[in-house]
Amino acid sequence: MGEDRRLVYSTEHGSLGKPAQQKSAGSKKNRRQAAASSVIRNPSKQGVRIYRESKGRGGKTVSIIDGLALDDLSLKQLLKKLKSQLGTGGAVKNSMLEIQGDHREKLLVLLEKNGYKARLAGG
């Protein structure tokens, strides 16, 4: 290649624009934000919303819990606990908990027992 051109991507090696050591070292601010987002300091201060949705589900209603700042493993554990207490099915999708059926009031009580301050959203 000419001196005025340089290779920035290779299918063998990936991105060649920056050296590997510069990619891993971030600024202090970025490292602090990443650490702060992974740790939940006060679960009662999260903006947890519980709402009902039925669009795109063939008329079936699901209760969706959104706003939980938990990692995937913690979400799955919480979902398992809620499903067993309600006797229904559910799934984790896009960091939201989907519980089959309209169980918003029961979910509100169960989440508050587990230390999460939740609110009902929607109509």
PDB file of N, CA and C in Angstrom:
ATOM      1  N   MET A   1       0.832  -1.189   0.000  1.00  0.00           N
ATOM      2  CA  MET A   1       0.000   0.000   0.000  1.00  0.00           C
ATOM      3  C   MET A   1       0.868   1.241   0.000  1.00  0.00           C
ATOM      4  N   GLY A   2       0.280   2.319  -0.468  1.00  0.00           N
ATOM      5  CA  GLY A   2       1.009   3.569  -0.501  1.00  0.00           C
ATOM      6  C   GLY A   2       1.100   4.187   0.883  1.00  0.00           C
ATOM      7  N   GLU A   3       1.986   5.175   1.013  1.00  0.00           N
ATOM      8  CA  GLU A   3       2.172   5.809   2.316  1.00  0.00           C
ATOM      9  C   GLU A   3       0.977   6.647   2.721  1.00  0.00           C
ATOM     10  N   ASP A   4       0.171   7.112   1.750  1.00  0.00           N
ATOM     11  CA  ASP A   4      -0.980   7.930   2.077  1.00  0.00           C
ATOM     12  C   ASP A   4      -2.201   7.084   2.462  1.00  0.00           C
ATOM     13  N   ARG A   5      -2.079   5.770   2.399  1.00  0.00           N
ATOM     14  CA  ARG A   5      -3.173   4.867   2.773  1.00  0.00           C
ATOM     15  C   ARG A   5      -2.717   3.968   3.913  1.00  0.00           C
ATOM     16  N   ARG A   6      -3.667   3.628   4.767  1.00  0.00           N
ATOM     17  CA  ARG A   6      -3.326   2.656   5.792  1.00  0.00           C
ATOM     18  C   ARG A   6      -4.535   1.763   6.029  1.00  0.00           C
ATOM     19  N   LEU A   7      -4.293   0.546   6.407  1.00  0.00           N
ATOM     20  CA  LEU A   7      -5.314  -0.448   6.640  1.00  0.00           C
ATOM     21  C   LEU A   7      -5.974  -0.193   7.992  1.00  0.00           C
ATOM     22  N   VAL A   8      -7.314  -0.082   8.012  1.00  0.00           N
ATOM     23  CA  VAL A   8      -8.016   0.168   9.261  1.00  0.00           C
ATOM     24  C   VAL A   8      -8.817  -1.037   9.733  1.00  0.00           C
ATOM     25  N   TYR A   9      -9.078  -2.011   8.864  1.00  0.00           N
ATOM     26  CA  TYR A   9      -9.811  -3.197   9.263  1.00  0.00           C
ATOM     27  C   TYR A   9      -9.353  -4.390   8.453  1.00  0.00           C
ATOM     28  N   SER A  10      -9.214  -5.498   9.107  1.00  0.00           N
ATOM     29  CA  SER A  10      -8.856  -6.739   8.448  1.00  0.00           C
ATOM     30  C   SER A  10      -9.759  -7.830   8.994  1.00  0.00           C
ATOM     31  N   THR A  11     -10.259  -8.720   8.130  1.00  0.00           N
ATOM     32  CA  THR A  11     -11.124  -9.795   8.606  1.00  0.00           C
ATOM     33  C   THR A  11     -10.350 -10.774   9.474  1.00  0.00           C
ATOM     34  N   GLU A  12      -9.045 -10.814   9.319  1.00  0.00           N
ATOM     35  CA  GLU A  12      -8.218 -11.696  10.133  1.00  0.00           C
ATOM     36  C   GLU A  12      -7.994 -11.136  11.528  1.00  0.00           C
ATOM     37  N   HIS A  13      -7.719  -9.847  11.626  1.00  0.00           N
ATOM     38  CA  HIS A  13      -7.301  -9.244  12.889  1.00  0.00           C
ATOM     39  C   HIS A  13      -8.329  -8.292  13.483  1.00  0.00           C
ATOM     40  N   GLY A  14      -9.378  -7.974  12.781  1.00  0.00           N
ATOM     41  CA  GLY A  14     -10.372  -7.027  13.291  1.00  0.00           C
ATOM     42  C   GLY A  14      -9.936  -5.604  13.052  1.00  0.00           C
ATOM     43  N   SER A  15     -10.373  -4.707  13.928  1.00  0.00           N
ATOM     44  CA  SER A  15     -10.069  -3.293  13.784  1.00  0.00           C
ATOM     45  C   SER A  15      -8.593  -3.032  14.034  1.00  0.00           C
ATOM     46  N   LEU A  16      -7.979  -2.284  13.141  1.00  0.00           N
ATOM     47  CA  LEU A  16      -6.561  -1.964  13.272  1.00  0.00           C
ATOM     48  C   LEU A  16      -6.340  -0.475  13.484  1.00  0.00           C
ATOM     49  N   GLY A  17      -7.431   0.263  13.701  1.00  0.00           N
ATOM     50  CA  GLY A  17      -7.327   1.706  13.835  1.00  0.00           C
ATOM     51  C   GLY A  17      -6.575   2.150  15.072  1.00  0.00           C
ATOM     52  N   LYS A  18      -6.750   1.462  16.207  1.00  0.00           N
ATOM     53  CA  LYS A  18      -6.086   1.825  17.447  1.00  0.00           C
ATOM     54  C   LYS A  18      -5.362   0.595  17.980  1.00  0.00           C
ATOM     55  N   PRO A  19      -4.251   0.784  18.607  1.00  0.00           N
ATOM     56  CA  PRO A  19      -3.576  -0.355  19.226  1.00  0.00           C
ATOM     57  C   PRO A  19      -4.421  -0.957  20.343  1.00  0.00           C
ATOM     58  N   ALA A  20      -4.249  -2.243  20.599  1.00  0.00           N
ATOM     59  CA  ALA A  20      -5.061  -2.960  21.582  1.00  0.00           C
ATOM     60  C   ALA A  20      -4.917  -2.380  22.983  1.00  0.00           C
ATOM     61  N   GLN A  21      -3.738  -1.901  23.358  1.00  0.00           N
ATOM     62  CA  GLN A  21      -3.552  -1.373  24.694  1.00  0.00           C
ATOM     63  C   GLN A  21      -4.330  -0.089  24.909  1.00  0.00           C
ATOM     64  N   GLN A  22      -4.517   0.726  23.867  1.00  0.00           N
ATOM     65  CA  GLN A  22      -5.289   1.947  24.013  1.00  0.00           C
ATOM     66  C   GLN A  22      -6.777   1.657  24.121  1.00  0.00           C
ATOM     67  N   LYS A  23      -7.253   0.576  23.504  1.00  0.00           N
ATOM     68  CA  LYS A  23      -8.669   0.248  23.570  1.00  0.00           C
ATOM     69  C   LYS A  23      -9.079  -0.142  24.974  1.00  0.00           C
ATOM     70  N   SER A  24      -8.258  -0.922  25.655  1.00  0.00           N
ATOM     71  CA  SER A  24      -8.638  -1.409  26.970  1.00  0.00           C
ATOM     72  C   SER A  24      -8.522  -0.326  28.042  1.00  0.00           C
ATOM     73  N   ALA A  25      -7.636   0.603  27.860  1.00  0.00           N
ATOM     74  CA  ALA A  25      -7.459   1.661  28.851  1.00  0.00           C
ATOM     75  C   ALA A  25      -8.406   2.803  28.536  1.00  0.00           C
ATOM     76  N   GLY A  26      -9.397   3.024  29.398  1.00  0.00           N
ATOM     77  CA  GLY A  26     -10.339   4.117  29.222  1.00  0.00           C
ATOM     78  C   GLY A  26     -10.026   5.225  30.197  1.00  0.00           C
ATOM     79  N   SER A  27     -10.751   6.314  30.060  1.00  0.00           N
ATOM     80  CA  SER A  27     -10.539   7.401  30.999  1.00  0.00           C
ATOM     81  C   SER A  27     -11.110   7.014  32.359  1.00  0.00           C
ATOM     82  N   LYS A  28     -10.711   7.730  33.380  1.00  0.00           N
ATOM     83  CA  LYS A  28     -11.202   7.438  34.730  1.00  0.00           C
ATOM     84  C   LYS A  28     -12.711   7.606  34.792  1.00  0.00           C
ATOM     85  N   LYS A  29     -13.234   8.591  34.086  1.00  0.00           N
ATOM     86  CA  LYS A  29     -14.663   8.849  34.093  1.00  0.00           C
ATOM     87  C   LYS A  29     -15.426   7.660  33.520  1.00  0.00           C
ATOM     88  N   ASN A  30     -14.954   7.099  32.405  1.00  0.00           N
ATOM     89  CA  ASN A  30     -15.626   5.958  31.783  1.00  0.00           C
ATOM     90  C   ASN A  30     -15.583   4.737  32.691  1.00  0.00           C
ATOM     91  N   ARG A  31     -14.444   4.494  33.329  1.00  0.00           N
ATOM     92  CA  ARG A  31     -14.331   3.353  34.230  1.00  0.00           C
ATOM     93  C   ARG A  31     -15.251   3.516  35.442  1.00  0.00           C
ATOM     94  N   ARG A  32     -15.343   4.737  35.944  1.00  0.00           N
ATOM     95  CA  ARG A  32     -16.199   5.003  37.096  1.00  0.00           C
ATOM     96  C   ARG A  32     -17.667   4.804  36.735  1.00  0.00           C
ATOM     97  N   GLN A  33     -18.071   5.266  35.543  1.00  0.00           N
ATOM     98  CA  GLN A  33     -19.455   5.103  35.118  1.00  0.00           C
ATOM     99  C   GLN A  33     -19.790   3.637  34.911  1.00  0.00           C
ATOM    100  N   ALA A  34     -18.876   2.856  34.355  1.00  0.00           N
ATOM    101  CA  ALA A  34     -19.122   1.432  34.142  1.00  0.00           C
ATOM    102  C   ALA A  34     -19.269   0.712  35.476  1.00  0.00           C
ATOM    103  N   ALA A  35     -18.451   1.062  36.442  1.00  0.00           N
ATOM    104  CA  ALA A  35     -18.536   0.433  37.761  1.00  0.00           C
ATOM    105  C   ALA A  35     -19.823   0.840  38.467  1.00  0.00           C
ATOM    106  N   ALA A  36     -20.214   2.095  38.343  1.00  0.00           N
ATOM    107  CA  ALA A  36     -21.413   2.571  39.016  1.00  0.00           C
ATOM    108  C   ALA A  36     -22.670   1.955  38.416  1.00  0.00           C
ATOM    109  N   SER A  37     -22.693   1.706  37.115  1.00  0.00           N
ATOM    110  CA  SER A  37     -23.888   1.157  36.503  1.00  0.00           C
ATOM    111  C   SER A  37     -24.087  -0.308  36.853  1.00  0.00           C
ATOM    112  N   SER A  38     -23.018  -1.033  37.176  1.00  0.00           N
ATOM    113  CA  SER A  38     -23.156  -2.445  37.484  1.00  0.00           C
ATOM    114  C   SER A  38     -23.515  -2.694  38.938  1.00  0.00           C
ATOM    115  N   VAL A  39     -23.361  -1.707  39.799  1.00  0.00           N
ATOM    116  CA  VAL A  39     -23.658  -1.873  41.224  1.00  0.00           C
ATOM    117  C   VAL A  39     -24.945  -1.129  41.542  1.00  0.00           C
ATOM    118  N   ILE A  40     -25.848  -1.822  42.230  1.00  0.00           N
ATOM    119  CA  ILE A  40     -27.089  -1.185  42.648  1.00  0.00           C
ATOM    120  C   ILE A  40     -26.910  -0.713  44.072  1.00  0.00           C
ATOM    121  N   ARG A  41     -26.890   0.575  44.234  1.00  0.00           N
ATOM    122  CA  ARG A  41     -26.662   1.121  45.571  1.00  0.00           C
ATOM    123  C   ARG A  41     -27.927   1.065  46.410  1.00  0.00           C
ATOM    124  N   ASN A  42     -29.064   1.464  45.833  1.00  0.00           N
ATOM    125  CA  ASN A  42     -30.314   1.478  46.579  1.00  0.00           C
ATOM    126  C   ASN A  42     -31.440   1.008  45.661  1.00  0.00           C
ATOM    127  N   PRO A  43     -31.863  -0.247  45.783  1.00  0.00           N
ATOM    128  CA  PRO A  43     -32.883  -0.763  44.876  1.00  0.00           C
ATOM    129  C   PRO A  43     -34.226  -0.062  45.033  1.00  0.00           C
ATOM    130  N   SER A  44     -34.492   0.558  46.178  1.00  0.00           N
ATOM    131  CA  SER A  44     -35.774   1.227  46.353  1.00  0.00           C
ATOM    132  C   SER A  44     -35.851   2.541  45.577  1.00  0.00           C
ATOM    133  N   LYS A  45     -34.727   3.034  45.059  1.00  0.00           N
ATOM    134  CA  LYS A  45     -34.719   4.292  44.307  1.00  0.00           C
ATOM    135  C   LYS A  45     -34.774   4.091  42.800  1.00  0.00           C
ATOM    136  N   GLN A  46     -34.929   2.852  42.344  1.00  0.00           N
ATOM    137  CA  GLN A  46     -34.994   2.597  40.911  1.00  0.00           C
ATOM    138  C   GLN A  46     -36.346   3.039  40.365  1.00  0.00           C
ATOM    139  N   GLY A  47     -36.398   3.353  39.080  1.00  0.00           N
ATOM    140  CA  GLY A  47     -37.651   3.734  38.435  1.00  0.00           C
ATOM    141  C   GLY A  47     -38.335   2.516  37.846  1.00  0.00           C
ATOM    142  N   VAL A  48     -38.862   1.649  38.704  1.00  0.00           N
ATOM    143  CA  VAL A  48     -39.471   0.401  38.261  1.00  0.00           C
ATOM    144  C   VAL A  48     -40.939   0.654  37.932  1.00  0.00           C
ATOM    145  N   ARG A  49     -41.332   0.244  36.740  1.00  0.00           N
ATOM    146  CA  ARG A  49     -42.703   0.410  36.269  1.00  0.00           C
ATOM    147  C   ARG A  49     -43.302  -0.946  35.935  1.00  0.00           C
ATOM    148  N   ILE A  50     -44.572  -1.115  36.256  1.00  0.00           N
ATOM    149  CA  ILE A  50     -45.298  -2.338  35.921  1.00  0.00           C
ATOM    150  C   ILE A  50     -46.459  -1.928  35.028  1.00  0.00           C
ATOM    151  N   TYR A  51     -46.509  -2.484  33.827  1.00  0.00           N
ATOM    152  CA  TYR A  51     -47.619  -2.164  32.937  1.00  0.00           C
ATOM    153  C   TYR A  51     -48.087  -3.398  32.184  1.00  0.00           C
ATOM    154  N   ARG A  52     -49.269  -3.274  31.591  1.00  0.00           N
ATOM    155  CA  ARG A  52     -49.902  -4.367  30.869  1.00  0.00           C
ATOM    156  C   ARG A  52     -49.769  -4.118  29.375  1.00  0.00           C
ATOM    157  N   GLU A  53     -49.545  -5.183  28.622  1.00  0.00           N
ATOM    158  CA  GLU A  53     -49.411  -5.070  27.176  1.00  0.00           C
ATOM    159  C   GLU A  53     -50.042  -6.283  26.514  1.00  0.00           C
ATOM    160  N   SER A  54     -50.702  -6.057  25.369  1.00  0.00           N
ATOM    161  CA  SER A  54     -51.286  -7.182  24.643  1.00  0.00           C
ATOM    162  C   SER A  54     -51.087  -7.069  23.136  1.00  0.00           C
ATOM    163  N   LYS A  55     -50.496  -5.996  22.675  1.00  0.00           N
ATOM    164  CA  LYS A  55     -50.282  -5.820  21.238  1.00  0.00           C
ATOM    165  C   LYS A  55     -49.237  -6.796  20.720  1.00  0.00           C
ATOM    166  N   GLY A  56     -49.503  -7.382  19.571  1.00  0.00           N
ATOM    167  CA  GLY A  56     -48.555  -8.279  18.929  1.00  0.00           C
ATOM    168  C   GLY A  56     -48.429  -9.622  19.615  1.00  0.00           C
ATOM    169  N   ARG A  57     -49.401  -9.960  20.442  1.00  0.00           N
ATOM    170  CA  ARG A  57     -49.342 -11.219  21.176  1.00  0.00           C
ATOM    171  C   ARG A  57     -50.588 -12.068  20.947  1.00  0.00           C
ATOM    172  N   GLY A  58     -51.302 -11.804  19.876  1.00  0.00           N
ATOM    173  CA  GLY A  58     -52.495 -12.586  19.576  1.00  0.00           C
ATOM    174  C   GLY A  58     -53.599 -12.398  20.593  1.00  0.00           C
ATOM    175  N   GLY A  59     -53.685 -11.231  21.211  1.00  0.00           N
ATOM    176  CA  GLY A  59     -54.723 -10.954  22.202  1.00  0.00           C
ATOM    177  C   GLY A  59     -54.359 -11.385  23.608  1.00  0.00           C
ATOM    178  N   LYS A  60     -53.236 -12.050  23.782  1.00  0.00           N
ATOM    179  CA  LYS A  60     -52.812 -12.489  25.117  1.00  0.00           C
ATOM    180  C   LYS A  60     -52.239 -11.292  25.879  1.00  0.00           C
ATOM    181  N   THR A  61     -52.544 -11.233  27.152  1.00  0.00           N
ATOM    182  CA  THR A  61     -52.086 -10.126  27.990  1.00  0.00           C
ATOM    183  C   THR A  61     -50.870 -10.552  28.798  1.00  0.00           C
ATOM    184  N   VAL A  62     -49.887  -9.669  28.883  1.00  0.00           N
ATOM    185  CA  VAL A  62     -48.723  -9.900  29.733  1.00  0.00           C
ATOM    186  C   VAL A  62     -48.505  -8.673  30.606  1.00  0.00           C
ATOM    187  N   SER A  63     -47.961  -8.898  31.776  1.00  0.00           N
ATOM    188  CA  SER A  63     -47.553  -7.807  32.663  1.00  0.00           C
ATOM    189  C   SER A  63     -46.054  -7.642  32.495  1.00  0.00           C
ATOM    190  N   ILE A  64     -45.617  -6.415  32.247  1.00  0.00           N
ATOM    191  CA  ILE A  64     -44.207  -6.141  31.988  1.00  0.00           C
ATOM    192  C   ILE A  64     -43.641  -5.301  33.121  1.00  0.00           C
ATOM    193  N   ILE A  65     -42.497  -5.749  33.635  1.00  0.00           N
ATOM    194  CA  ILE A  65     -41.774  -5.012  34.675  1.00  0.00           C
ATOM    195  C   ILE A  65     -40.542  -4.423  34.014  1.00  0.00           C
ATOM    196  N   ASP A  66     -40.462  -3.110  33.994  1.00  0.00           N
ATOM    197  CA  ASP A  66     -39.385  -2.406  33.302  1.00  0.00           C
ATOM    198  C   ASP A  66     -38.676  -1.489  34.287  1.00  0.00           C
ATOM    199  N   GLY A  67     -37.387  -1.272  34.072  1.00  0.00           N
ATOM    200  CA  GLY A  67     -36.629  -0.323  34.883  1.00  0.00           C
ATOM    201  C   GLY A  67     -35.796  -0.960  35.971  1.00  0.00           C
ATOM    202  N   LEU A  68     -35.723  -2.282  35.998  1.00  0.00           N
ATOM    203  CA  LEU A  68     -34.873  -2.944  36.983  1.00  0.00           C
ATOM    204  C   LEU A  68     -33.434  -2.887  36.501  1.00  0.00           C
ATOM    205  N   ALA A  69     -32.561  -2.312  37.290  1.00  0.00           N
ATOM    206  CA  ALA A  69     -31.147  -2.210  36.920  1.00  0.00           C
ATOM    207  C   ALA A  69     -30.394  -3.414  37.490  1.00  0.00           C
ATOM    208  N   LEU A  70     -30.706  -4.597  36.963  1.00  0.00           N
ATOM    209  CA  LEU A  70     -30.082  -5.835  37.416  1.00  0.00           C
ATOM    210  C   LEU A  70     -29.391  -6.511  36.245  1.00  0.00           C
ATOM    211  N   ASP A  71     -28.414  -7.347  36.554  1.00  0.00           N
ATOM    212  CA  ASP A  71     -27.774  -8.124  35.496  1.00  0.00           C
ATOM    213  C   ASP A  71     -28.684  -9.300  35.132  1.00  0.00           C
ATOM    214  N   ASP A  72     -28.334 -10.021  34.055  1.00  0.00           N
ATOM    215  CA  ASP A  72     -29.185 -11.083  33.539  1.00  0.00           C
ATOM    216  C   ASP A  72     -29.449 -12.179  34.555  1.00  0.00           C
ATOM    217  N   LEU A  73     -28.433 -12.577  35.293  1.00  0.00           N
ATOM    218  CA  LEU A  73     -28.605 -13.649  36.281  1.00  0.00           C
ATOM    219  C   LEU A  73     -29.581 -13.227  37.375  1.00  0.00           C
ATOM    220  N   SER A  74     -29.458 -12.012  37.867  1.00  0.00           N
ATOM    221  CA  SER A  74     -30.363 -11.519  38.914  1.00  0.00           C
ATOM    222  C   SER A  74     -31.787 -11.383  38.395  1.00  0.00           C
ATOM    223  N   LEU A  75     -31.937 -10.953  37.126  1.00  0.00           N
ATOM    224  CA  LEU A  75     -33.266 -10.856  36.536  1.00  0.00           C
ATOM    225  C   LEU A  75     -33.924 -12.229  36.462  1.00  0.00           C
ATOM    226  N   LYS A  76     -33.155 -13.233  36.057  1.00  0.00           N
ATOM    227  CA  LYS A  76     -33.695 -14.591  35.950  1.00  0.00           C
ATOM    228  C   LYS A  76     -34.100 -15.131  37.316  1.00  0.00           C
ATOM    229  N   GLN A  77     -33.303 -14.845  38.330  1.00  0.00           N
ATOM    230  CA  GLN A  77     -33.632 -15.309  39.678  1.00  0.00           C
ATOM    231  C   GLN A  77     -34.901 -14.638  40.194  1.00  0.00           C
ATOM    232  N   LEU A  78     -35.021 -13.329  39.965  1.00  0.00           N
ATOM    233  CA  LEU A  78     -36.214 -12.611  40.393  1.00  0.00           C
ATOM    234  C   LEU A  78     -37.438 -13.110  39.633  1.00  0.00           C
ATOM    235  N   LEU A  79     -37.277 -13.351  38.333  1.00  0.00           N
ATOM    236  CA  LEU A  79     -38.384 -13.854  37.515  1.00  0.00           C
ATOM    237  C   LEU A  79     -38.849 -15.212  38.019  1.00  0.00           C
ATOM    238  N   LYS A  80     -37.919 -16.083  38.345  1.00  0.00           N
ATOM    239  CA  LYS A  80     -38.272 -17.405  38.841  1.00  0.00           C
ATOM    240  C   LYS A  80     -39.072 -17.303  40.137  1.00  0.00           C
ATOM    241  N   LYS A  81     -38.652 -16.413  41.026  1.00  0.00           N
ATOM    242  CA  LYS A  81     -39.356 -16.225  42.295  1.00  0.00           C
ATOM    243  C   LYS A  81     -40.772 -15.700  42.051  1.00  0.00           C
ATOM    244  N   LEU A  82     -40.916 -14.714  41.160  1.00  0.00           N
ATOM    245  CA  LEU A  82     -42.229 -14.134  40.887  1.00  0.00           C
ATOM    246  C   LEU A  82     -43.154 -15.146  40.209  1.00  0.00           C
ATOM    247  N   LYS A  83     -42.618 -15.903  39.254  1.00  0.00           N
ATOM    248  CA  LYS A  83     -43.433 -16.905  38.556  1.00  0.00           C
ATOM    249  C   LYS A  83     -43.952 -17.960  39.519  1.00  0.00           C
ATOM    250  N   SER A  84     -43.113 -18.401  40.442  1.00  0.00           N
ATOM    251  CA  SER A  84     -43.549 -19.428  41.384  1.00  0.00           C
ATOM    252  C   SER A  84     -44.600 -18.892  42.350  1.00  0.00           C
ATOM    253  N   GLN A  85     -44.486 -17.624  42.741  1.00  0.00           N
ATOM    254  CA  GLN A  85     -45.457 -17.042  43.661  1.00  0.00           C
ATOM    255  C   GLN A  85     -46.794 -16.758  42.988  1.00  0.00           C
ATOM    256  N   LEU A  86     -46.763 -16.495  41.667  1.00  0.00           N
ATOM    257  CA  LEU A  86     -47.996 -16.210  40.941  1.00  0.00           C
ATOM    258  C   LEU A  86     -48.578 -17.446  40.273  1.00  0.00           C
ATOM    259  N   GLY A  87     -47.774 -18.484  40.090  1.00  0.00           N
ATOM    260  CA  GLY A  87     -48.241 -19.687  39.425  1.00  0.00           C
ATOM    261  C   GLY A  87     -48.488 -19.481  37.951  1.00  0.00           C
ATOM    262  N   THR A  88     -47.594 -18.769  37.301  1.00  0.00           N
ATOM    263  CA  THR A  88     -47.751 -18.466  35.880  1.00  0.00           C
ATOM    264  C   THR A  88     -46.403 -18.507  35.190  1.00  0.00           C
ATOM    265  N   GLY A  89     -46.399 -18.331  33.880  1.00  0.00           N
ATOM    266  CA  GLY A  89     -45.163 -18.340  33.111  1.00  0.00           C
ATOM    267  C   GLY A  89     -44.641 -16.946  32.887  1.00  0.00           C
ATOM    268  N   GLY A  90     -43.458 -16.874  32.274  1.00  0.00           N
ATOM    269  CA  GLY A  90     -42.870 -15.578  31.990  1.00  0.00           C
ATOM    270  C   GLY A  90     -41.522 -15.730  31.333  1.00  0.00           C
ATOM    271  N   ALA A  91     -40.922 -14.598  30.981  1.00  0.00           N
ATOM    272  CA  ALA A  91     -39.630 -14.606  30.303  1.00  0.00           C
ATOM    273  C   ALA A  91     -38.919 -13.286  30.558  1.00  0.00           C
ATOM    274  N   VAL A  92     -37.597 -13.309  30.327  1.00  0.00           N
ATOM    275  CA  VAL A  92     -36.791 -12.097  30.357  1.00  0.00           C
ATOM    276  C   VAL A  92     -36.515 -11.707  28.914  1.00  0.00           C
ATOM    277  N   LYS A  93     -36.945 -10.517  28.515  1.00  0.00           N
ATOM    278  CA  LYS A  93     -36.710 -10.032  27.155  1.00  0.00           C
ATOM    279  C   LYS A  93     -36.281  -8.570  27.223  1.00  0.00           C
ATOM    280  N   ASN A  94     -35.148  -8.268  26.607  1.00  0.00           N
ATOM    281  CA  ASN A  94     -34.631  -6.894  26.547  1.00  0.00           C
ATOM    282  C   ASN A  94     -34.511  -6.260  27.932  1.00  0.00           C
ATOM    283  N   SER A  95     -34.008  -6.998  28.893  1.00  0.00           N
ATOM    284  CA  SER A  95     -33.832  -6.541  30.279  1.00  0.00           C
ATOM    285  C   SER A  95     -35.149  -6.164  30.950  1.00  0.00           C
ATOM    286  N   MET A  96     -36.254  -6.725  30.456  1.00  0.00           N
ATOM    287  CA  MET A  96     -37.562  -6.529  31.066  1.00  0.00           C
ATOM    288  C   MET A  96     -38.123  -7.896  31.428  1.00  0.00           C
ATOM    289  N   LEU A  97     -38.911  -7.942  32.475  1.00  0.00           N
ATOM    290  CA  LEU A  97     -39.568  -9.176  32.870  1.00  0.00           C
ATOM    291  C   LEU A  97     -40.975  -9.188  32.297  1.00  0.00           C
ATOM    292  N   GLU A  98     -41.336 -10.274  31.613  1.00  0.00           N
ATOM    293  CA  GLU A  98     -42.678 -10.438  31.085  1.00  0.00           C
ATOM    294  C   GLU A  98     -43.341 -11.586  31.824  1.00  0.00           C
ATOM    295  N   ILE A  99     -44.455 -11.293  32.489  1.00  0.00           N
ATOM    296  CA  ILE A  99     -45.217 -12.287  33.225  1.00  0.00           C
ATOM    297  C   ILE A  99     -46.538 -12.477  32.497  1.00  0.00           C
ATOM    298  N   GLN A 100     -46.896 -13.725  32.228  1.00  0.00           N
ATOM    299  CA  GLN A 100     -48.137 -14.001  31.508  1.00  0.00           C
ATOM    300  C   GLN A 100     -49.339 -13.655  32.366  1.00  0.00           C
ATOM    301  N   GLY A 101     -50.286 -12.935  31.773  1.00  0.00           N
ATOM    302  CA  GLY A 101     -51.511 -12.549  32.466  1.00  0.00           C
ATOM    303  C   GLY A 101     -51.409 -11.151  33.055  1.00  0.00           C
ATOM    304  N   ASP A 102     -52.565 -10.663  33.518  1.00  0.00           N
ATOM    305  CA  ASP A 102     -52.618  -9.327  34.127  1.00  0.00           C
ATOM    306  C   ASP A 102     -52.500  -9.477  35.639  1.00  0.00           C
ATOM    307  N   HIS A 103     -51.287  -9.378  36.146  1.00  0.00           N
ATOM    308  CA  HIS A 103     -50.996  -9.542  37.575  1.00  0.00           C
ATOM    309  C   HIS A 103     -50.341  -8.287  38.151  1.00  0.00           C
ATOM    310  N   ARG A 104     -50.722  -7.122  37.653  1.00  0.00           N
ATOM    311  CA  ARG A 104     -50.018  -5.902  38.044  1.00  0.00           C
ATOM    312  C   ARG A 104     -50.095  -5.608  39.538  1.00  0.00           C
ATOM    313  N   GLU A 105     -51.269  -5.726  40.137  1.00  0.00           N
ATOM    314  CA  GLU A 105     -51.409  -5.406  41.552  1.00  0.00           C
ATOM    315  C   GLU A 105     -50.631  -6.391  42.422  1.00  0.00           C
ATOM    316  N   LYS A 106     -50.696  -7.680  42.065  1.00  0.00           N
ATOM    317  CA  LYS A 106     -49.959  -8.687  42.822  1.00  0.00           C
ATOM    318  C   LYS A 106     -48.454  -8.476  42.680  1.00  0.00           C
ATOM    319  N   LEU A 107     -48.008  -8.135  41.475  1.00  0.00           N
ATOM    320  CA  LEU A 107     -46.578  -7.886  41.244  1.00  0.00           C
ATOM    321  C   LEU A 107     -46.095  -6.688  42.044  1.00  0.00           C
ATOM    322  N   LEU A 108     -46.938  -5.666  42.149  1.00  0.00           N
ATOM    323  CA  LEU A 108     -46.578  -4.480  42.923  1.00  0.00           C
ATOM    324  C   LEU A 108     -46.306  -4.853  44.378  1.00  0.00           C
ATOM    325  N   VAL A 109     -47.166  -5.672  44.954  1.00  0.00           N
ATOM    326  CA  VAL A 109     -47.002  -6.100  46.346  1.00  0.00           C
ATOM    327  C   VAL A 109     -45.755  -6.976  46.484  1.00  0.00           C
ATOM    328  N   LEU A 110     -45.571  -7.928  45.568  1.00  0.00           N
ATOM    329  CA  LEU A 110     -44.424  -8.834  45.644  1.00  0.00           C
ATOM    330  C   LEU A 110     -43.093  -8.093  45.490  1.00  0.00           C
ATOM    331  N   LEU A 111     -43.036  -7.132  44.574  1.00  0.00           N
ATOM    332  CA  LEU A 111     -41.800  -6.363  44.392  1.00  0.00           C
ATOM    333  C   LEU A 111     -41.494  -5.517  45.625  1.00  0.00           C
ATOM    334  N   GLU A 112     -42.517  -4.950  46.240  1.00  0.00           N
ATOM    335  CA  GLU A 112     -42.285  -4.145  47.439  1.00  0.00           C
ATOM    336  C   GLU A 112     -41.796  -5.013  48.592  1.00  0.00           C
ATOM    337  N   LYS A 113     -42.266  -6.270  48.666  1.00  0.00           N
ATOM    338  CA  LYS A 113     -41.767  -7.189  49.685  1.00  0.00           C
ATOM    339  C   LYS A 113     -40.295  -7.518  49.465  1.00  0.00           C
ATOM    340  N   ASN A 114     -39.859  -7.506  48.201  1.00  0.00           N
ATOM    341  CA  ASN A 114     -38.466  -7.790  47.868  1.00  0.00           C
ATOM    342  C   ASN A 114     -37.589  -6.541  47.908  1.00  0.00           C
ATOM    343  N   GLY A 115     -38.147  -5.383  48.264  1.00  0.00           N
ATOM    344  CA  GLY A 115     -37.348  -4.177  48.439  1.00  0.00           C
ATOM    345  C   GLY A 115     -37.282  -3.263  47.229  1.00  0.00           C
ATOM    346  N   TYR A 116     -38.128  -3.478  46.225  1.00  0.00           N
ATOM    347  CA  TYR A 116     -38.133  -2.633  45.041  1.00  0.00           C
ATOM    348  C   TYR A 116     -39.349  -1.706  45.103  1.00  0.00           C
ATOM    349  N   LYS A 117     -39.114  -0.428  44.920  1.00  0.00           N
ATOM    350  CA  LYS A 117     -40.195   0.533  44.916  1.00  0.00           C
ATOM    351  C   LYS A 117     -40.717   0.628  43.480  1.00  0.00           C
ATOM    352  N   ALA A 118     -41.863   0.056  43.232  1.00  0.00           N
ATOM    353  CA  ALA A 118     -42.429   0.012  41.878  1.00  0.00           C
ATOM    354  C   ALA A 118     -43.704   0.832  41.808  1.00  0.00           C
ATOM    355  N   ARG A 119     -44.064   1.197  40.577  1.00  0.00           N
ATOM    356  CA  ARG A 119     -45.307   1.936  40.346  1.00  0.00           C
ATOM    357  C   ARG A 119     -46.043   1.317  39.176  1.00  0.00           C
ATOM    358  N   LEU A 120     -47.366   1.413  39.217  1.00  0.00           N
ATOM    359  CA  LEU A 120     -48.178   0.958  38.095  1.00  0.00           C
ATOM    360  C   LEU A 120     -48.168   2.034  37.018  1.00  0.00           C
ATOM    361  N   ALA A 121     -48.033   1.600  35.782  1.00  0.00           N
ATOM    362  CA  ALA A 121     -48.016   2.546  34.666  1.00  0.00           C
ATOM    363  C   ALA A 121     -49.083   2.115  33.663  1.00  0.00           C
ATOM    364  N   GLY A 122     -49.551   3.049  32.892  1.00  0.00           N
ATOM    365  CA  GLY A 122     -50.554   2.716  31.889  1.00  0.00           C
ATOM    366  C   GLY A 122     -51.953   2.676  32.477  1.00  0.00           C
ATOM    367  N   GLY A 123     -52.908   2.275  31.644  1.00  0.00           N
ATOM    368  CA  GLY A 123     -54.299   2.296  32.094  1.00  0.00           C
ATOM    369  C   GLY A 123     -54.902   0.976  32.342  1.00  0.00           C
TER     370      GLY A 123
END
